[in-house]
Amino acid sequence: MSETTTGLIGEYIAAAAILSLGWRVSMAQQDRVDMVAWYGQDFIRVQAKTASLLGYKVGRSPNHHFQLGHGCKAKKLPTQDDYDVLCLVSPDARRVLFMPVTSIRQYTLRVQPSRFTPEAETDSWDKAVAVVMETRR
């Protein structure tokens, strides 16, 4: 499967997760913004990153390895100018985790598959939304 196909699968899983949390979603597929979620007058720009489960390597358990930076040559960390919430997608589990862009401080992130649960999905969305709304006040 190509990276483009994997990314598109992740965007739809992310949109489905946000819809299931009671928000509305529009696919936006722009540079650094994949969708816009809104609830009433509140809106949030969302970037989805998808990483398939990597197999076992000596000394490491299977995990997802997400690339958080952007840029072709010199990678840069995203800022609030890019988007509001990062959505980490596990296509294997068909689950997501959310994090506010303000908490991204590294270029890559390894996540164990056990972290992708329905409860973590809901909790991470609530926390990410709270941080975004607080920074806008």
C-alpha atoms as a PDB file:
ATOM      1  CA  MET A   1       0.000   0.000   0.000  1.00  0.00           C
ATOM      2  CA  SER A   2       1.360   3.452  -0.900  1.00  0.00           C
ATOM      3  CA  GLU A   3       2.005   6.211   1.648  1.00  0.00           C
ATOM      4  CA  THR A   4      -0.694   8.285  -0.023  1.00  0.00           C
ATOM      5  CA  THR A   5      -3.272   5.521   0.442  1.00  0.00           C
ATOM      6  CA  THR A   6      -2.218   4.931   4.045  1.00  0.00           C
ATOM      7  CA  GLY A   7      -2.490   8.665   4.764  1.00  0.00           C
ATOM      8  CA  LEU A   8      -5.943   8.864   3.196  1.00  0.00           C
ATOM      9  CA  ILE A   9      -7.126   5.895   5.268  1.00  0.00           C
ATOM     10  CA  GLY A  10      -5.846   7.695   8.373  1.00  0.00           C
ATOM     11  CA  GLU A  11      -7.671  10.914   7.485  1.00  0.00           C
ATOM     12  CA  TYR A  12     -10.988   9.080   7.194  1.00  0.00           C
ATOM     13  CA  ILE A  13     -10.424   7.189  10.460  1.00  0.00           C
ATOM     14  CA  ALA A  14      -9.637  10.537  12.134  1.00  0.00           C
ATOM     15  CA  ALA A  15     -12.765  12.154  10.677  1.00  0.00           C
ATOM     16  CA  ALA A  16     -14.902   9.228  11.861  1.00  0.00           C
ATOM     17  CA  ALA A  17     -13.440   9.504  15.369  1.00  0.00           C
ATOM     18  CA  ILE A  18     -14.168  13.238  15.553  1.00  0.00           C
ATOM     19  CA  LEU A  19     -17.709  12.717  14.260  1.00  0.00           C
ATOM     20  CA  SER A  20     -18.291  10.031  16.897  1.00  0.00           C
ATOM     21  CA  LEU A  21     -17.309  12.596  19.560  1.00  0.00           C
ATOM     22  CA  GLY A  22     -20.203  14.844  18.530  1.00  0.00           C
ATOM     23  CA  TRP A  23     -18.288  17.333  16.397  1.00  0.00           C
ATOM     24  CA  ARG A  24     -18.804  18.052  12.678  1.00  0.00           C
ATOM     25  CA  VAL A  25     -15.965  17.584  10.192  1.00  0.00           C
ATOM     26  CA  SER A  26     -15.040  18.891   6.770  1.00  0.00           C
ATOM     27  CA  MET A  27     -12.103  17.434   4.878  1.00  0.00           C
ATOM     28  CA  ALA A  28      -9.767  20.299   4.005  1.00  0.00           C
ATOM     29  CA  GLN A  29      -6.621  18.588   2.609  1.00  0.00           C
ATOM     30  CA  GLN A  30      -4.455  21.693   2.520  1.00  0.00           C
ATOM     31  CA  ASP A  31      -0.811  22.050   3.416  1.00  0.00           C
ATOM     32  CA  ARG A  32      -0.634  20.947   7.069  1.00  0.00           C
ATOM     33  CA  VAL A  33      -4.424  20.924   7.579  1.00  0.00           C
ATOM     34  CA  ASP A  34      -6.333  17.774   6.698  1.00  0.00           C
ATOM     35  CA  MET A  35      -9.714  18.647   8.179  1.00  0.00           C
ATOM     36  CA  VAL A  36     -11.637  21.251  10.100  1.00  0.00           C
ATOM     37  CA  ALA A  37     -13.758  20.151  13.049  1.00  0.00           C
ATOM     38  CA  TRP A  38     -16.429  22.402  14.501  1.00  0.00           C
ATOM     39  CA  TYR A  39     -18.987  22.409  17.270  1.00  0.00           C
ATOM     40  CA  GLY A  40     -21.310  25.402  17.384  1.00  0.00           C
ATOM     41  CA  GLN A  41     -19.083  28.463  16.941  1.00  0.00           C
ATOM     42  CA  ASP A  42     -15.859  26.640  17.878  1.00  0.00           C
ATOM     43  CA  PHE A  43     -13.617  25.228  15.163  1.00  0.00           C
ATOM     44  CA  ILE A  44     -10.349  23.314  15.217  1.00  0.00           C
ATOM     45  CA  ARG A  45      -7.835  22.687  12.424  1.00  0.00           C
ATOM     46  CA  VAL A  46      -6.693  19.056  12.488  1.00  0.00           C
ATOM     47  CA  GLN A  47      -3.641  17.389  10.967  1.00  0.00           C
ATOM     48  CA  ALA A  48      -3.729  13.578  10.780  1.00  0.00           C
ATOM     49  CA  LYS A  49      -0.552  11.493  10.897  1.00  0.00           C
ATOM     50  CA  THR A  50      -0.850   7.793  10.184  1.00  0.00           C
ATOM     51  CA  ALA A  51       1.661   5.082  11.091  1.00  0.00           C
ATOM     52  CA  SER A  52       1.157   1.374  10.593  1.00  0.00           C
ATOM     53  CA  LEU A  53       2.308  -0.981  13.300  1.00  0.00           C
ATOM     54  CA  LEU A  54       5.998  -1.791  12.892  1.00  0.00           C
ATOM     55  CA  GLY A  55       7.025  -5.367  13.595  1.00  0.00           C
ATOM     56  CA  TYR A  56       9.258  -6.620  16.350  1.00  0.00           C
ATOM     57  CA  LYS A  57      12.925  -5.605  16.271  1.00  0.00           C
ATOM     58  CA  VAL A  58      15.589  -6.815  18.658  1.00  0.00           C
ATOM     59  CA  GLY A  59      15.156  -4.938  21.916  1.00  0.00           C
ATOM     60  CA  ARG A  60      11.908  -3.234  20.835  1.00  0.00           C
ATOM     61  CA  SER A  61       8.259  -4.142  21.056  1.00  0.00           C
ATOM     62  CA  PRO A  62       6.006  -3.542  18.033  1.00  0.00           C
ATOM     63  CA  ASN A  63       4.930   0.103  17.903  1.00  0.00           C
ATOM     64  CA  HIS A  64       3.799   2.957  15.703  1.00  0.00           C
ATOM     65  CA  HIS A  65       6.493   5.418  14.627  1.00  0.00           C
ATOM     66  CA  PHE A  66       5.054   8.838  13.757  1.00  0.00           C
ATOM     67  CA  GLN A  67       6.921  11.568  11.865  1.00  0.00           C
ATOM     68  CA  LEU A  68       5.782  14.862  13.418  1.00  0.00           C
ATOM     69  CA  GLY A  69       7.929  17.368  11.540  1.00  0.00           C
ATOM     70  CA  HIS A  70       7.162  18.909   8.163  1.00  0.00           C
ATOM     71  CA  GLY A  71       9.253  20.181   5.262  1.00  0.00           C
ATOM     72  CA  CYS A  72      11.099  18.525   2.404  1.00  0.00           C
ATOM     73  CA  LYS A  73      14.718  19.259   3.262  1.00  0.00           C
ATOM     74  CA  ALA A  74      15.023  20.757   6.719  1.00  0.00           C
ATOM     75  CA  LYS A  75      12.331  19.384   8.998  1.00  0.00           C
ATOM     76  CA  LYS A  76      10.501  21.857  11.210  1.00  0.00           C
ATOM     77  CA  LEU A  77       8.227  21.336  14.174  1.00  0.00           C
ATOM     78  CA  PRO A  78       4.644  22.510  13.651  1.00  0.00           C
ATOM     79  CA  THR A  79       3.272  25.572  15.423  1.00  0.00           C
ATOM     80  CA  GLN A  80      -0.152  27.103  16.080  1.00  0.00           C
ATOM     81  CA  ASP A  81       0.199  28.838  12.710  1.00  0.00           C
ATOM     82  CA  ASP A  82       0.093  25.405  11.031  1.00  0.00           C
ATOM     83  CA  TYR A  83      -2.826  23.692  12.813  1.00  0.00           C
ATOM     84  CA  ASP A  84      -4.438  23.274  16.227  1.00  0.00           C
ATOM     85  CA  VAL A  85      -4.619  19.536  16.928  1.00  0.00           C
ATOM     86  CA  LEU A  86      -2.509  16.618  15.767  1.00  0.00           C
ATOM     87  CA  CYS A  87      -4.328  13.332  15.332  1.00  0.00           C
ATOM     88  CA  LEU A  88      -2.163  10.206  15.582  1.00  0.00           C
ATOM     89  CA  VAL A  89      -3.868   7.385  13.700  1.00  0.00           C
ATOM     90  CA  SER A  90      -3.390   3.644  14.104  1.00  0.00           C
ATOM     91  CA  PRO A  91      -4.903   2.114  10.963  1.00  0.00           C
ATOM     92  CA  ASP A  92      -4.413  -1.345  12.491  1.00  0.00           C
ATOM     93  CA  ALA A  93      -6.558  -0.557  15.543  1.00  0.00           C
ATOM     94  CA  ARG A  94      -8.738   1.966  13.686  1.00  0.00           C
ATOM     95  CA  ARG A  95      -8.272   4.263  16.664  1.00  0.00           C
ATOM     96  CA  VAL A  96      -6.697   7.665  17.185  1.00  0.00           C
ATOM     97  CA  LEU A  97      -5.015   9.812  19.812  1.00  0.00           C
ATOM     98  CA  PHE A  98      -5.158  13.613  19.792  1.00  0.00           C
ATOM     99  CA  MET A  99      -2.642  16.160  21.007  1.00  0.00           C
ATOM    100  CA  PRO A 100      -2.554  19.954  20.828  1.00  0.00           C
ATOM    101  CA  VAL A 101       0.134  21.289  18.509  1.00  0.00           C
ATOM    102  CA  THR A 102       1.583  23.247  21.435  1.00  0.00           C
ATOM    103  CA  SER A 103       2.683  19.975  23.066  1.00  0.00           C
ATOM    104  CA  ILE A 104       4.763  18.788  20.095  1.00  0.00           C
ATOM    105  CA  ARG A 105       8.429  19.087  21.017  1.00  0.00           C
ATOM    106  CA  GLN A 106      10.059  16.306  19.000  1.00  0.00           C
ATOM    107  CA  TYR A 107      10.293  15.249  15.355  1.00  0.00           C
ATOM    108  CA  THR A 108       9.296  11.619  15.850  1.00  0.00           C
ATOM    109  CA  LEU A 109       7.139   9.767  18.329  1.00  0.00           C
ATOM    110  CA  ARG A 110       6.827   6.058  19.051  1.00  0.00           C
ATOM    111  CA  VAL A 111       3.476   4.916  20.429  1.00  0.00           C
ATOM    112  CA  GLN A 112       2.649   1.459  21.713  1.00  0.00           C
ATOM    113  CA  PRO A 113      -0.466  -0.098  20.168  1.00  0.00           C
ATOM    114  CA  SER A 114      -2.010  -0.596  23.611  1.00  0.00           C
ATOM    115  CA  ARG A 115      -2.434   3.197  23.946  1.00  0.00           C
ATOM    116  CA  PHE A 116      -5.027   3.305  21.156  1.00  0.00           C
ATOM    117  CA  THR A 117      -8.216   2.681  23.137  1.00  0.00           C
ATOM    118  CA  PRO A 118     -11.729   4.171  22.990  1.00  0.00           C
ATOM    119  CA  GLU A 119     -11.165   5.833  26.366  1.00  0.00           C
ATOM    120  CA  ALA A 120      -7.836   7.346  25.327  1.00  0.00           C
ATOM    121  CA  GLU A 121      -9.434   8.616  22.131  1.00  0.00           C
ATOM    122  CA  THR A 122     -12.144  10.488  24.043  1.00  0.00           C
ATOM    123  CA  ASP A 123      -9.845  11.724  26.819  1.00  0.00           C
ATOM    124  CA  SER A 124      -7.147  12.954  24.432  1.00  0.00           C
ATOM    125  CA  TRP A 125      -9.736  14.851  22.339  1.00  0.00           C
ATOM    126  CA  ASP A 126     -11.205  16.536  25.420  1.00  0.00           C
ATOM    127  CA  LYS A 127      -7.753  17.580  26.656  1.00  0.00           C
ATOM    128  CA  ALA A 128      -6.576  18.798  23.248  1.00  0.00           C
ATOM    129  CA  VAL A 129      -9.746  20.854  22.735  1.00  0.00           C
ATOM    130  CA  ALA A 130      -9.406  22.382  26.210  1.00  0.00           C
ATOM    131  CA  VAL A 131      -5.819  23.456  25.487  1.00  0.00           C
ATOM    132  CA  VAL A 132      -6.733  24.947  22.093  1.00  0.00           C
ATOM    133  CA  MET A 133      -9.690  26.883  23.501  1.00  0.00           C
ATOM    134  CA  GLU A 134      -7.613  28.154  26.429  1.00  0.00           C
ATOM    135  CA  THR A 135      -4.883  29.464  24.114  1.00  0.00           C
ATOM    136  CA  ARG A 136      -7.503  31.396  22.120  1.00  0.00           C
ATOM    137  CA  ARG A 137      -8.773  33.341  25.151  1.00  0.00           C
END
